[in-house]
PDB file of N, CA and C in Angstrom:
ATOM      1  N   MET A   1       3.819 -27.689  13.952  1.00  0.00           N
ATOM      2  CA  MET A   1       4.260 -27.989  12.603  1.00  0.00           C
ATOM      3  C   MET A   1       3.360 -27.311  11.522  1.00  0.00           C
ATOM      4  N   THR A   2       2.075 -27.213  11.795  1.00  0.00           N
ATOM      5  CA  THR A   2       1.247 -26.498  10.800  1.00  0.00           C
ATOM      6  C   THR A   2       1.713 -25.058  10.630  1.00  0.00           C
ATOM      7  N   GLU A   3       2.043 -24.346  11.641  1.00  0.00           N
ATOM      8  CA  GLU A   3       2.445 -22.958  11.581  1.00  0.00           C
ATOM      9  C   GLU A   3       3.712 -22.872  10.786  1.00  0.00           C
ATOM     10  N   ASP A   4       4.680 -23.806  10.973  1.00  0.00           N
ATOM     11  CA  ASP A   4       5.889 -23.797  10.192  1.00  0.00           C
ATOM     12  C   ASP A   4       5.571 -24.020   8.706  1.00  0.00           C
ATOM     13  N   LEU A   5       4.651 -24.950   8.452  1.00  0.00           N
ATOM     14  CA  LEU A   5       4.264 -25.266   7.093  1.00  0.00           C
ATOM     15  C   LEU A   5       3.656 -23.996   6.404  1.00  0.00           C
ATOM     16  N   LEU A   6       2.784 -23.347   7.064  1.00  0.00           N
ATOM     17  CA  LEU A   6       2.153 -22.116   6.499  1.00  0.00           C
ATOM     18  C   LEU A   6       3.211 -21.045   6.241  1.00  0.00           C
ATOM     19  N   ASP A   7       4.134 -20.856   7.190  1.00  0.00           N
ATOM     20  CA  ASP A   7       5.245 -19.877   6.990  1.00  0.00           C
ATOM     21  C   ASP A   7       6.063 -20.287   5.710  1.00  0.00           C
ATOM     22  N   TYR A   8       6.290 -21.567   5.539  1.00  0.00           N
ATOM     23  CA  TYR A   8       6.990 -22.017   4.390  1.00  0.00           C
ATOM     24  C   TYR A   8       6.200 -21.824   3.125  1.00  0.00           C
ATOM     25  N   TRP A   9       4.909 -22.124   3.106  1.00  0.00           N
ATOM     26  CA  TRP A   9       4.120 -21.862   1.939  1.00  0.00           C
ATOM     27  C   TRP A   9       3.968 -20.357   1.640  1.00  0.00           C
ATOM     28  N   LEU A  10       3.891 -19.506   2.640  1.00  0.00           N
ATOM     29  CA  LEU A  10       3.904 -18.036   2.395  1.00  0.00           C
ATOM     30  C   LEU A  10       5.262 -17.644   1.772  1.00  0.00           C
ATOM     31  N   ARG A  11       6.364 -18.240   2.163  1.00  0.00           N
ATOM     32  CA  ARG A  11       7.680 -17.784   1.554  1.00  0.00           C
ATOM     33  C   ARG A  11       7.726 -18.273   0.144  1.00  0.00           C
ATOM     34  N   ILE A  12       7.078 -19.409  -0.267  1.00  0.00           N
ATOM     35  CA  ILE A  12       7.261 -19.797  -1.619  1.00  0.00           C
ATOM     36  C   ILE A  12       6.246 -19.195  -2.557  1.00  0.00           C
ATOM     37  N   ILE A  13       5.048 -18.745  -1.985  1.00  0.00           N
ATOM     38  CA  ILE A  13       4.082 -18.118  -2.921  1.00  0.00           C
ATOM     39  C   ILE A  13       4.165 -16.573  -2.967  1.00  0.00           C
ATOM     40  N   LYS A  14       4.772 -15.920  -1.936  1.00  0.00           N
ATOM     41  CA  LYS A  14       4.790 -14.517  -1.953  1.00  0.00           C
ATOM     42  C   LYS A  14       5.571 -13.962  -3.195  1.00  0.00           C
ATOM     43  N   PRO A  15       6.667 -14.566  -3.651  1.00  0.00           N
ATOM     44  CA  PRO A  15       7.345 -14.064  -4.795  1.00  0.00           C
ATOM     45  C   PRO A  15       6.533 -14.145  -6.135  1.00  0.00           C
ATOM     46  N   LEU A  16       5.431 -14.882  -6.095  1.00  0.00           N
ATOM     47  CA  LEU A  16       4.526 -14.942  -7.298  1.00  0.00           C
ATOM     48  C   LEU A  16       3.756 -13.700  -7.480  1.00  0.00           C
ATOM     49  N   PHE A  17       3.675 -12.821  -6.458  1.00  0.00           N
ATOM     50  CA  PHE A  17       2.859 -11.632  -6.475  1.00  0.00           C
ATOM     51  C   PHE A  17       3.808 -10.384  -6.521  1.00  0.00           C
ATOM     52  N   PRO A  18       3.258  -9.240  -6.819  1.00  0.00           N
ATOM     53  CA  PRO A  18       4.083  -7.994  -6.802  1.00  0.00           C
ATOM     54  C   PRO A  18       4.928  -7.776  -5.550  1.00  0.00           C
ATOM     55  N   ALA A  19       6.069  -7.173  -5.668  1.00  0.00           N
ATOM     56  CA  ALA A  19       7.004  -7.011  -4.589  1.00  0.00           C
ATOM     57  C   ALA A  19       6.295  -6.233  -3.422  1.00  0.00           C
ATOM     58  N   ASN A  20       5.402  -5.414  -3.719  1.00  0.00           N
ATOM     59  CA  ASN A  20       4.787  -4.576  -2.661  1.00  0.00           C
ATOM     60  C   ASN A  20       3.453  -5.216  -2.022  1.00  0.00           C
ATOM     61  N   ALA A  21       3.349  -6.521  -2.312  1.00  0.00           N
ATOM     62  CA  ALA A  21       2.077  -7.241  -1.911  1.00  0.00           C
ATOM     63  C   ALA A  21       2.061  -7.287  -0.362  1.00  0.00           C
ATOM     64  N   TRP A  22       0.843  -7.059   0.139  1.00  0.00           N
ATOM     65  CA  TRP A  22       0.636  -7.221   1.611  1.00  0.00           C
ATOM     66  C   TRP A  22      -0.004  -8.625   1.801  1.00  0.00           C
ATOM     67  N   VAL A  23       0.545  -9.413   2.670  1.00  0.00           N
ATOM     68  CA  VAL A  23       0.169 -10.783   2.905  1.00  0.00           C
ATOM     69  C   VAL A  23      -0.182 -10.969   4.397  1.00  0.00           C
ATOM     70  N   GLU A  24      -1.309 -11.581   4.644  1.00  0.00           N
ATOM     71  CA  GLU A  24      -1.756 -11.840   5.963  1.00  0.00           C
ATOM     72  C   GLU A  24      -2.257 -13.296   6.042  1.00  0.00           C
ATOM     73  N   SER A  25      -1.902 -13.991   7.047  1.00  0.00           N
ATOM     74  CA  SER A  25      -2.440 -15.331   7.175  1.00  0.00           C
ATOM     75  C   SER A  25      -3.038 -15.451   8.601  1.00  0.00           C
ATOM     76  N   ARG A  26      -4.076 -16.320   8.692  1.00  0.00           N
ATOM     77  CA  ARG A  26      -4.692 -16.515  10.012  1.00  0.00           C
ATOM     78  C   ARG A  26      -5.558 -17.748   9.951  1.00  0.00           C
ATOM     79  N   LEU A  27      -5.853 -18.246  11.125  1.00  0.00           N
ATOM     80  CA  LEU A  27      -6.756 -19.379  11.235  1.00  0.00           C
ATOM     81  C   LEU A  27      -8.226 -18.927  10.907  1.00  0.00           C
ATOM     82  N   SER A  28      -8.918 -19.798  10.209  1.00  0.00           N
ATOM     83  CA  SER A  28     -10.300 -19.448   9.776  1.00  0.00           C
ATOM     84  C   SER A  28     -11.119 -20.752   9.779  1.00  0.00           C
ATOM     85  N   GLY A  29     -11.909 -20.859  10.755  1.00  0.00           N
ATOM     86  CA  GLY A  29     -12.801 -22.075  10.786  1.00  0.00           C
ATOM     87  C   GLY A  29     -11.907 -23.297  10.944  1.00  0.00           C
ATOM     88  N   SER A  30     -12.103 -24.265   9.980  1.00  0.00           N
ATOM     89  CA  SER A  30     -11.392 -25.521   9.995  1.00  0.00           C
ATOM     90  C   SER A  30     -10.177 -25.517   9.066  1.00  0.00           C
ATOM     91  N   GLY A  31      -9.552 -24.305   8.937  1.00  0.00           N
ATOM     92  CA  GLY A  31      -8.373 -24.211   8.010  1.00  0.00           C
ATOM     93  C   GLY A  31      -7.669 -22.911   8.172  1.00  0.00           C
ATOM     94  N   HIS A  32      -6.990 -22.519   7.244  1.00  0.00           N
ATOM     95  CA  HIS A  32      -6.212 -21.347   7.197  1.00  0.00           C
ATOM     96  C   HIS A  32      -6.540 -20.450   6.017  1.00  0.00           C
ATOM     97  N   LEU A  33      -6.435 -19.123   6.247  1.00  0.00           N
ATOM     98  CA  LEU A  33      -6.790 -18.164   5.266  1.00  0.00           C
ATOM     99  C   LEU A  33      -5.554 -17.302   4.989  1.00  0.00           C
ATOM    100  N   ILE A  34      -5.230 -17.129   3.744  1.00  0.00           N
ATOM    101  CA  ILE A  34      -4.165 -16.179   3.411  1.00  0.00           C
ATOM    102  C   ILE A  34      -4.767 -15.079   2.529  1.00  0.00           C
ATOM    103  N   GLN A  35      -4.591 -13.887   2.932  1.00  0.00           N
ATOM    104  CA  GLN A  35      -5.105 -12.738   2.142  1.00  0.00           C
ATOM    105  C   GLN A  35      -4.015 -11.953   1.563  1.00  0.00           C
ATOM    106  N   ILE A  36      -4.201 -11.608   0.305  1.00  0.00           N
ATOM    107  CA  ILE A  36      -3.115 -10.837  -0.391  1.00  0.00           C
ATOM    108  C   ILE A  36      -3.724  -9.734  -1.195  1.00  0.00           C
ATOM    109  N   ASP A  37      -3.080  -8.544  -1.115  1.00  0.00           N
ATOM    110  CA  ASP A  37      -3.425  -7.448  -1.978  1.00  0.00           C
ATOM    111  C   ASP A  37      -2.211  -6.502  -2.090  1.00  0.00           C
ATOM    112  N   TRP A  38      -2.290  -5.568  -3.012  1.00  0.00           N
ATOM    113  CA  TRP A  38      -1.170  -4.674  -3.166  1.00  0.00           C
ATOM    114  C   TRP A  38      -1.622  -3.350  -3.750  1.00  0.00           C
ATOM    115  N   LYS A  39      -0.744  -2.378  -3.666  1.00  0.00           N
ATOM    116  CA  LYS A  39      -1.046  -1.069  -4.215  1.00  0.00           C
ATOM    117  C   LYS A  39      -0.874  -1.074  -5.761  1.00  0.00           C
ATOM    118  N   ILE A  40      -1.823  -0.550  -6.325  1.00  0.00           N
ATOM    119  CA  ILE A  40      -1.831  -0.411  -7.843  1.00  0.00           C
ATOM    120  C   ILE A  40      -1.215   0.922  -8.172  1.00  0.00           C
ATOM    121  N   GLU A  41      -0.113   0.927  -8.854  1.00  0.00           N
ATOM    122  CA  GLU A  41       0.634   2.210  -9.093  1.00  0.00           C
ATOM    123  C   GLU A  41       0.572   2.654 -10.561  1.00  0.00           C
ATOM    124  N   ASN A  42      -0.466   2.244 -11.208  1.00  0.00           N
ATOM    125  CA  ASN A  42      -0.607   2.673 -12.664  1.00  0.00           C
ATOM    126  C   ASN A  42      -1.514   3.775 -12.957  1.00  0.00           C
ATOM    127  N   ASP A  43      -2.088   4.396 -11.978  1.00  0.00           N
ATOM    128  CA  ASP A  43      -3.060   5.489 -12.137  1.00  0.00           C
ATOM    129  C   ASP A  43      -2.617   6.669 -11.225  1.00  0.00           C
ATOM    130  N   PRO A  44      -2.024   7.706 -11.719  1.00  0.00           N
ATOM    131  CA  PRO A  44      -1.594   8.786 -10.870  1.00  0.00           C
ATOM    132  C   PRO A  44      -2.730   9.581 -10.208  1.00  0.00           C
ATOM    133  N   HIS A  45      -3.954   9.467 -10.709  1.00  0.00           N
ATOM    134  CA  HIS A  45      -5.027  10.091 -10.072  1.00  0.00           C
ATOM    135  C   HIS A  45      -5.711   9.359  -8.900  1.00  0.00           C
ATOM    136  N   ARG A  46      -5.259   8.108  -8.828  1.00  0.00           N
ATOM    137  CA  ARG A  46      -5.809   7.211  -7.727  1.00  0.00           C
ATOM    138  C   ARG A  46      -4.656   6.493  -7.052  1.00  0.00           C
ATOM    139  N   ARG A  47      -3.869   7.290  -6.373  1.00  0.00           N
ATOM    140  CA  ARG A  47      -2.602   6.833  -5.778  1.00  0.00           C
ATOM    141  C   ARG A  47      -2.776   5.818  -4.593  1.00  0.00           C
ATOM    142  N   ASN A  48      -3.877   5.774  -3.974  1.00  0.00           N
ATOM    143  CA  ASN A  48      -4.060   4.831  -2.943  1.00  0.00           C
ATOM    144  C   ASN A  48      -4.892   3.632  -3.314  1.00  0.00           C
ATOM    145  N   MET A  49      -5.101   3.439  -4.611  1.00  0.00           N
ATOM    146  CA  MET A  49      -5.858   2.299  -5.090  1.00  0.00           C
ATOM    147  C   MET A  49      -5.157   1.013  -4.856  1.00  0.00           C
ATOM    148  N   ARG A  50      -5.854   0.038  -4.351  1.00  0.00           N
ATOM    149  CA  ARG A  50      -5.303  -1.296  -4.069  1.00  0.00           C
ATOM    150  C   ARG A  50      -5.991  -2.314  -4.929  1.00  0.00           C
ATOM    151  N   SER A  51      -5.324  -3.402  -5.187  1.00  0.00           N
ATOM    152  CA  SER A  51      -5.875  -4.466  -5.994  1.00  0.00           C
ATOM    153  C   SER A  51      -7.034  -5.169  -5.208  1.00  0.00           C
ATOM    154  N   ARG A  52      -7.850  -5.872  -5.878  1.00  0.00           N
ATOM    155  CA  ARG A  52      -8.840  -6.672  -5.221  1.00  0.00           C
ATOM    156  C   ARG A  52      -8.081  -7.653  -4.330  1.00  0.00           C
ATOM    157  N   LYS A  53      -8.647  -8.030  -3.227  1.00  0.00           N
ATOM    158  CA  LYS A  53      -7.975  -9.045  -2.319  1.00  0.00           C
ATOM    159  C   LYS A  53      -8.180 -10.387  -2.930  1.00  0.00           C
ATOM    160  N   ILE A  54      -7.144 -11.189  -2.684  1.00  0.00           N
ATOM    161  CA  ILE A  54      -7.156 -12.615  -3.002  1.00  0.00           C
ATOM    162  C   ILE A  54      -7.202 -13.353  -1.712  1.00  0.00           C
ATOM    163  N   GLU A  55      -8.111 -14.265  -1.507  1.00  0.00           N
ATOM    164  CA  GLU A  55      -8.200 -15.069  -0.351  1.00  0.00           C
ATOM    165  C   GLU A  55      -7.909 -16.489  -0.728  1.00  0.00           C
ATOM    166  N   ILE A  56      -6.914 -17.004  -0.246  1.00  0.00           N
ATOM    167  CA  ILE A  56      -6.433 -18.406  -0.487  1.00  0.00           C
ATOM    168  C   ILE A  56      -6.852 -19.164   0.787  1.00  0.00           C
ATOM    169  N   THR A  57      -7.703 -20.178   0.571  1.00  0.00           N
ATOM    170  CA  THR A  57      -8.141 -20.991   1.713  1.00  0.00           C
ATOM    171  C   THR A  57      -7.538 -22.386   1.657  1.00  0.00           C
ATOM    172  N   ILE A  58      -6.969 -22.809   2.793  1.00  0.00           N
ATOM    173  CA  ILE A  58      -6.315 -24.163   2.896  1.00  0.00           C
ATOM    174  C   ILE A  58      -6.963 -24.853   4.072  1.00  0.00           C
ATOM    175  N   LYS A  59      -7.766 -25.893   3.783  1.00  0.00           N
ATOM    176  CA  LYS A  59      -8.397 -26.665   4.901  1.00  0.00           C
ATOM    177  C   LYS A  59      -7.421 -27.477   5.598  1.00  0.00           C
ATOM    178  N   GLU A  60      -7.743 -27.760   6.870  1.00  0.00           N
ATOM    179  CA  GLU A  60      -6.917 -28.568   7.743  1.00  0.00           C
ATOM    180  C   GLU A  60      -6.617 -29.918   7.120  1.00  0.00           C
ATOM    181  N   GLU A  61      -7.620 -30.579   6.450  1.00  0.00           N
ATOM    182  CA  GLU A  61      -7.410 -31.842   5.863  1.00  0.00           C
ATOM    183  C   GLU A  61      -6.363 -31.811   4.681  1.00  0.00           C
ATOM    184  N   VAL A  62      -6.149 -30.710   4.073  1.00  0.00           N
ATOM    185  CA  VAL A  62      -5.240 -30.517   2.987  1.00  0.00           C
ATOM    186  C   VAL A  62      -3.828 -30.499   3.662  1.00  0.00           C
ATOM    187  N   ILE A  63      -3.737 -29.787   4.774  1.00  0.00           N
ATOM    188  CA  ILE A  63      -2.460 -29.689   5.454  1.00  0.00           C
ATOM    189  C   ILE A  63      -2.037 -31.067   5.970  1.00  0.00           C
ATOM    190  N   ASP A  64      -2.965 -31.788   6.604  1.00  0.00           N
ATOM    191  CA  ASP A  64      -2.717 -33.150   7.181  1.00  0.00           C
ATOM    192  C   ASP A  64      -2.196 -34.127   6.006  1.00  0.00           C
ATOM    193  N   ASP A  65      -2.948 -33.954   4.922  1.00  0.00           N
ATOM    194  CA  ASP A  65      -2.496 -34.873   3.778  1.00  0.00           C
ATOM    195  C   ASP A  65      -1.141 -34.538   3.290  1.00  0.00           C
ATOM    196  N   TYR A  66      -0.829 -33.250   3.200  1.00  0.00           N
ATOM    197  CA  TYR A  66       0.472 -32.811   2.764  1.00  0.00           C
ATOM    198  C   TYR A  66       1.555 -33.322   3.731  1.00  0.00           C
ATOM    199  N   LEU A  67       1.327 -33.131   4.992  1.00  0.00           N
ATOM    200  CA  LEU A  67       2.349 -33.570   6.014  1.00  0.00           C
ATOM    201  C   LEU A  67       2.476 -35.072   6.038  1.00  0.00           C
ATOM    202  N   SER A  68       1.634 -35.829   5.539  1.00  0.00           N
ATOM    203  CA  SER A  68       1.817 -37.293   5.521  1.00  0.00           C
ATOM    204  C   SER A  68       2.540 -37.799   4.308  1.00  0.00           C
ATOM    205  N   LYS A  69       2.942 -36.889   3.371  1.00  0.00           N
ATOM    206  CA  LYS A  69       3.680 -37.246   2.165  1.00  0.00           C
ATOM    207  C   LYS A  69       5.159 -37.321   2.469  1.00  0.00           C
ATOM    208  N   THR A  70       5.824 -37.960   1.491  1.00  0.00           N
ATOM    209  CA  THR A  70       7.381 -38.058   1.588  1.00  0.00           C
ATOM    210  C   THR A  70       7.879 -36.682   1.131  1.00  0.00           C
ATOM    211  N   PHE A  71       9.163 -36.492   1.377  1.00  0.00           N
ATOM    212  CA  PHE A  71       9.853 -35.236   1.012  1.00  0.00           C
ATOM    213  C   PHE A  71       9.716 -34.985  -0.470  1.00  0.00           C
ATOM    214  N   ASP A  72       9.920 -36.032  -1.306  1.00  0.00           N
ATOM    215  CA  ASP A  72       9.736 -35.868  -2.742  1.00  0.00           C
ATOM    216  C   ASP A  72       8.366 -35.495  -3.252  1.00  0.00           C
ATOM    217  N   GLN A  73       7.364 -36.136  -2.498  1.00  0.00           N
ATOM    218  CA  GLN A  73       5.980 -35.896  -2.842  1.00  0.00           C
ATOM    219  C   GLN A  73       5.639 -34.472  -2.483  1.00  0.00           C
ATOM    220  N   ARG A  74       6.153 -34.012  -1.371  1.00  0.00           N
ATOM    221  CA  ARG A  74       5.879 -32.566  -0.906  1.00  0.00           C
ATOM    222  C   ARG A  74       6.459 -31.624  -1.940  1.00  0.00           C
ATOM    223  N   ALA A  75       7.711 -31.914  -2.356  1.00  0.00           N
ATOM    224  CA  ALA A  75       8.368 -31.013  -3.377  1.00  0.00           C
ATOM    225  C   ALA A  75       7.529 -30.901  -4.566  1.00  0.00           C
ATOM    226  N   LEU A  76       6.954 -32.094  -5.074  1.00  0.00           N
ATOM    227  CA  LEU A  76       6.132 -32.016  -6.253  1.00  0.00           C
ATOM    228  C   LEU A  76       4.878 -31.302  -6.018  1.00  0.00           C
ATOM    229  N   SER A  77       4.236 -31.437  -4.778  1.00  0.00           N
ATOM    230  CA  SER A  77       3.082 -30.717  -4.480  1.00  0.00           C
ATOM    231  C   SER A  77       3.281 -29.168  -4.401  1.00  0.00           C
ATOM    232  N   ASP A  78       4.486 -28.795  -3.903  1.00  0.00           N
ATOM    233  CA  ASP A  78       4.893 -27.397  -3.921  1.00  0.00           C
ATOM    234  C   ASP A  78       4.914 -26.791  -5.282  1.00  0.00           C
ATOM    235  N   ILE A  79       5.504 -27.545  -6.217  1.00  0.00           N
ATOM    236  CA  ILE A  79       5.611 -27.090  -7.608  1.00  0.00           C
ATOM    237  C   ILE A  79       4.172 -26.917  -8.137  1.00  0.00           C
ATOM    238  N   LYS A  80       3.286 -27.937  -7.914  1.00  0.00           N
ATOM    239  CA  LYS A  80       1.953 -27.871  -8.417  1.00  0.00           C
ATOM    240  C   LYS A  80       1.208 -26.685  -7.863  1.00  0.00           C
ATOM    241  N   MET A  81       1.374 -26.430  -6.564  1.00  0.00           N
ATOM    242  CA  MET A  81       0.716 -25.266  -5.941  1.00  0.00           C
ATOM    243  C   MET A  81       1.209 -23.990  -6.569  1.00  0.00           C
ATOM    244  N   LYS A  82       2.493 -23.788  -6.739  1.00  0.00           N
ATOM    245  CA  LYS A  82       2.973 -22.597  -7.339  1.00  0.00           C
ATOM    246  C   LYS A  82       2.511 -22.385  -8.781  1.00  0.00           C
ATOM    247  N   GLN A  83       2.423 -23.474  -9.483  1.00  0.00           N
ATOM    248  CA  GLN A  83       1.990 -23.379 -10.891  1.00  0.00           C
ATOM    249  C   GLN A  83       0.479 -22.978 -10.956  1.00  0.00           C
ATOM    250  N   TRP A  84      -0.279 -23.581 -10.013  1.00  0.00           N
ATOM    251  CA  TRP A  84      -1.725 -23.318  -9.941  1.00  0.00           C
ATOM    252  C   TRP A  84      -1.970 -21.801  -9.549  1.00  0.00           C
ATOM    253  N   ILE A  85      -1.250 -21.368  -8.612  1.00  0.00           N
ATOM    254  CA  ILE A  85      -1.366 -19.930  -8.127  1.00  0.00           C
ATOM    255  C   ILE A  85      -0.887 -19.015  -9.226  1.00  0.00           C
ATOM    256  N   SER A  86       0.219 -19.376  -9.896  1.00  0.00           N
ATOM    257  CA  SER A  86       0.699 -18.466 -11.017  1.00  0.00           C
ATOM    258  C   SER A  86      -0.311 -18.370 -12.067  1.00  0.00           C
ATOM    259  N   GLU A  87      -0.978 -19.511 -12.459  1.00  0.00           N
ATOM    260  CA  GLU A  87      -1.953 -19.470 -13.541  1.00  0.00           C
ATOM    261  C   GLU A  87      -3.164 -18.617 -13.046  1.00  0.00           C
ATOM    262  N   ARG A  88      -3.608 -18.787 -11.843  1.00  0.00           N
ATOM    263  CA  ARG A  88      -4.682 -17.954 -11.356  1.00  0.00           C
ATOM    264  C   ARG A  88      -4.347 -16.462 -11.332  1.00  0.00           C
ATOM    265  N   TYR A  89      -3.117 -16.145 -10.882  1.00  0.00           N
ATOM    266  CA  TYR A  89      -2.685 -14.779 -10.788  1.00  0.00           C
ATOM    267  C   TYR A  89      -2.606 -14.190 -12.258  1.00  0.00           C
ATOM    268  N   ASN A  90      -2.100 -14.939 -13.170  1.00  0.00           N
ATOM    269  CA  ASN A  90      -2.039 -14.423 -14.557  1.00  0.00           C
ATOM    270  C   ASN A  90      -3.342 -14.067 -15.135  1.00  0.00           C
ATOM    271  N   ASN A  91      -4.439 -14.767 -14.641  1.00  0.00           N
ATOM    272  CA  ASN A  91      -5.778 -14.406 -15.124  1.00  0.00           C
ATOM    273  C   ASN A  91      -6.601 -13.529 -14.152  1.00  0.00           C
ATOM    274  N   PHE A  92      -5.943 -13.053 -13.157  1.00  0.00           N
ATOM    275  CA  PHE A  92      -6.590 -12.223 -12.057  1.00  0.00           C
ATOM    276  C   PHE A  92      -6.949 -10.860 -12.551  1.00  0.00           C
ATOM    277  N   ILE A  93      -8.120 -10.395 -12.332  1.00  0.00           N
ATOM    278  CA  ILE A  93      -8.566  -9.096 -12.674  1.00  0.00           C
ATOM    279  C   ILE A  93      -8.385  -8.177 -11.497  1.00  0.00           C
ATOM    280  N   LEU A  94      -7.494  -7.167 -11.626  1.00  0.00           N
ATOM    281  CA  LEU A  94      -7.108  -6.382 -10.471  1.00  0.00           C
ATOM    282  C   LEU A  94      -8.295  -5.618  -9.892  1.00  0.00           C
ATOM    283  N   GLU A  95      -9.144  -5.135 -10.715  1.00  0.00           N
ATOM    284  CA  GLU A  95     -10.329  -4.355 -10.195  1.00  0.00           C
ATOM    285  C   GLU A  95     -11.519  -4.739 -11.150  1.00  0.00           C
ATOM    286  N   GLN A  96     -12.715  -4.767 -10.486  1.00  0.00           N
ATOM    287  CA  GLN A  96     -13.949  -5.099 -11.229  1.00  0.00           C
ATOM    288  C   GLN A  96     -14.316  -3.958 -12.111  1.00  0.00           C
ATOM    289  N   ASP A  97     -14.312  -2.741 -11.626  1.00  0.00           N
ATOM    290  CA  ASP A  97     -14.723  -1.546 -12.324  1.00  0.00           C
ATOM    291  C   ASP A  97     -13.985  -0.369 -11.752  1.00  0.00           C
ATOM    292  N   ALA A  98     -13.273   0.285 -12.690  1.00  0.00           N
ATOM    293  CA  ALA A  98     -12.401   1.411 -12.224  1.00  0.00           C
ATOM    294  C   ALA A  98     -13.247   2.593 -11.613  1.00  0.00           C
ATOM    295  N   HIS A  99     -14.551   2.636 -11.878  1.00  0.00           N
ATOM    296  CA  HIS A  99     -15.398   3.647 -11.280  1.00  0.00           C
ATOM    297  C   HIS A  99     -15.978   3.347  -9.929  1.00  0.00           C
ATOM    298  N   ILE A 100     -15.830   2.150  -9.482  1.00  0.00           N
ATOM    299  CA  ILE A 100     -16.341   1.647  -8.204  1.00  0.00           C
ATOM    300  C   ILE A 100     -15.286   1.675  -7.185  1.00  0.00           C
ATOM    301  N   SER A 101     -15.557   1.992  -5.880  1.00  0.00           N
ATOM    302  CA  SER A 101     -14.507   2.036  -4.886  1.00  0.00           C
ATOM    303  C   SER A 101     -13.972   0.624  -4.758  1.00  0.00           C
ATOM    304  N   ASN A 102     -12.835   0.520  -4.045  1.00  0.00           N
ATOM    305  CA  ASN A 102     -12.163  -0.776  -3.920  1.00  0.00           C
ATOM    306  C   ASN A 102     -12.793  -1.631  -2.862  1.00  0.00           C
ATOM    307  N   SER A 103     -14.082  -1.709  -2.872  1.00  0.00           N
ATOM    308  CA  SER A 103     -14.795  -2.582  -1.870  1.00  0.00           C
ATOM    309  C   SER A 103     -15.352  -3.855  -2.519  1.00  0.00           C
ATOM    310  N   GLU A 104     -14.916  -4.227  -3.689  1.00  0.00           N
ATOM    311  CA  GLU A 104     -15.370  -5.426  -4.284  1.00  0.00           C
ATOM    312  C   GLU A 104     -15.023  -6.672  -3.361  1.00  0.00           C
ATOM    313  N   SER A 105     -15.789  -7.647  -3.584  1.00  0.00           N
ATOM    314  CA  SER A 105     -15.580  -8.870  -2.835  1.00  0.00           C
ATOM    315  C   SER A 105     -14.244  -9.506  -3.228  1.00  0.00           C
ATOM    316  N   PRO A 106     -13.573 -10.183  -2.340  1.00  0.00           N
ATOM    317  CA  PRO A 106     -12.303 -10.782  -2.704  1.00  0.00           C
ATOM    318  C   PRO A 106     -12.407 -11.908  -3.660  1.00  0.00           C
ATOM    319  N   ASP A 107     -11.416 -12.235  -4.359  1.00  0.00           N
ATOM    320  CA  ASP A 107     -11.336 -13.323  -5.282  1.00  0.00           C
ATOM    321  C   ASP A 107     -10.876 -14.538  -4.411  1.00  0.00           C
ATOM    322  N   LYS A 108     -11.781 -15.556  -4.366  1.00  0.00           N
ATOM    323  CA  LYS A 108     -11.499 -16.620  -3.441  1.00  0.00           C
ATOM    324  C   LYS A 108     -10.905 -17.851  -4.139  1.00  0.00           C
ATOM    325  N   TRP A 109      -9.756 -18.273  -3.672  1.00  0.00           N
ATOM    326  CA  TRP A 109      -9.074 -19.359  -4.251  1.00  0.00           C
ATOM    327  C   TRP A 109      -8.967 -20.448  -3.177  1.00  0.00           C
ATOM    328  N   ARG A 110      -9.226 -21.717  -3.541  1.00  0.00           N
ATOM    329  CA  ARG A 110      -9.151 -22.755  -2.554  1.00  0.00           C
ATOM    330  C   ARG A 110      -8.149 -23.826  -2.938  1.00  0.00           C
ATOM    331  N   ILE A 111      -7.281 -24.106  -2.055  1.00  0.00           N
ATOM    332  CA  ILE A 111      -6.208 -25.156  -2.356  1.00  0.00           C
ATOM    333  C   ILE A 111      -6.868 -26.496  -1.833  1.00  0.00           C
ATOM    334  N   SER A 112      -6.936 -27.427  -2.745  1.00  0.00           N
ATOM    335  CA  SER A 112      -7.550 -28.783  -2.425  1.00  0.00           C
ATOM    336  C   SER A 112      -6.471 -29.916  -2.382  1.00  0.00           C
ATOM    337  N   LYS A 113      -6.869 -31.009  -1.785  1.00  0.00           N
ATOM    338  CA  LYS A 113      -6.019 -32.119  -1.810  1.00  0.00           C
ATOM    339  C   LYS A 113      -5.757 -32.632  -3.199  1.00  0.00           C
ATOM    340  N   ASP A 114      -6.761 -32.650  -4.025  1.00  0.00           N
ATOM    341  CA  ASP A 114      -6.627 -33.106  -5.395  1.00  0.00           C
ATOM    342  C   ASP A 114      -5.577 -32.213  -6.179  1.00  0.00           C
ATOM    343  N   MET A 115      -5.622 -30.866  -5.916  1.00  0.00           N
ATOM    344  CA  MET A 115      -4.628 -30.041  -6.582  1.00  0.00           C
ATOM    345  C   MET A 115      -3.200 -30.416  -6.163  1.00  0.00           C
ATOM    346  N   LEU A 116      -3.005 -30.791  -4.934  1.00  0.00           N
ATOM    347  CA  LEU A 116      -1.640 -31.113  -4.473  1.00  0.00           C
ATOM    348  C   LEU A 116      -1.228 -32.580  -4.601  1.00  0.00           C
ATOM    349  N   SER A 117      -2.171 -33.375  -5.163  1.00  0.00           N
ATOM    350  CA  SER A 117      -1.976 -34.776  -5.182  1.00  0.00           C
ATOM    351  C   SER A 117      -0.814 -35.126  -6.135  1.00  0.00           C
ATOM    352  N   CYS A 118      -0.075 -36.250  -5.881  1.00  0.00           N
ATOM    353  CA  CYS A 118       1.072 -36.611  -6.657  1.00  0.00           C
ATOM    354  C   CYS A 118       0.778 -37.937  -7.354  1.00  0.00           C
TER     355      CYS A 118
END
């Protein structure tokens, strides 16, 4: 069930990012990690430049809490999660410094139970 939920969450959050976004999800410790980045196509001199990575962490307890909710509560949680991710993305800085290679540390976002509470 957890894998189905993660696939579902990936389907609803991927459209919030650029169409060419690369998305990977995997188990990480006591939760799941979603990594997202994309090719930045606004500089013809740096054609292979990629955005900073975004790492979204979802702990197992958040998933368990979500799965214990009713259908309507889950729908509300999905809306809250998409709004939160959209707000973070709108304030996301693609690159720290244009003169540094694309090896900056990822921007770490954590989905909490409080964020998804109804």
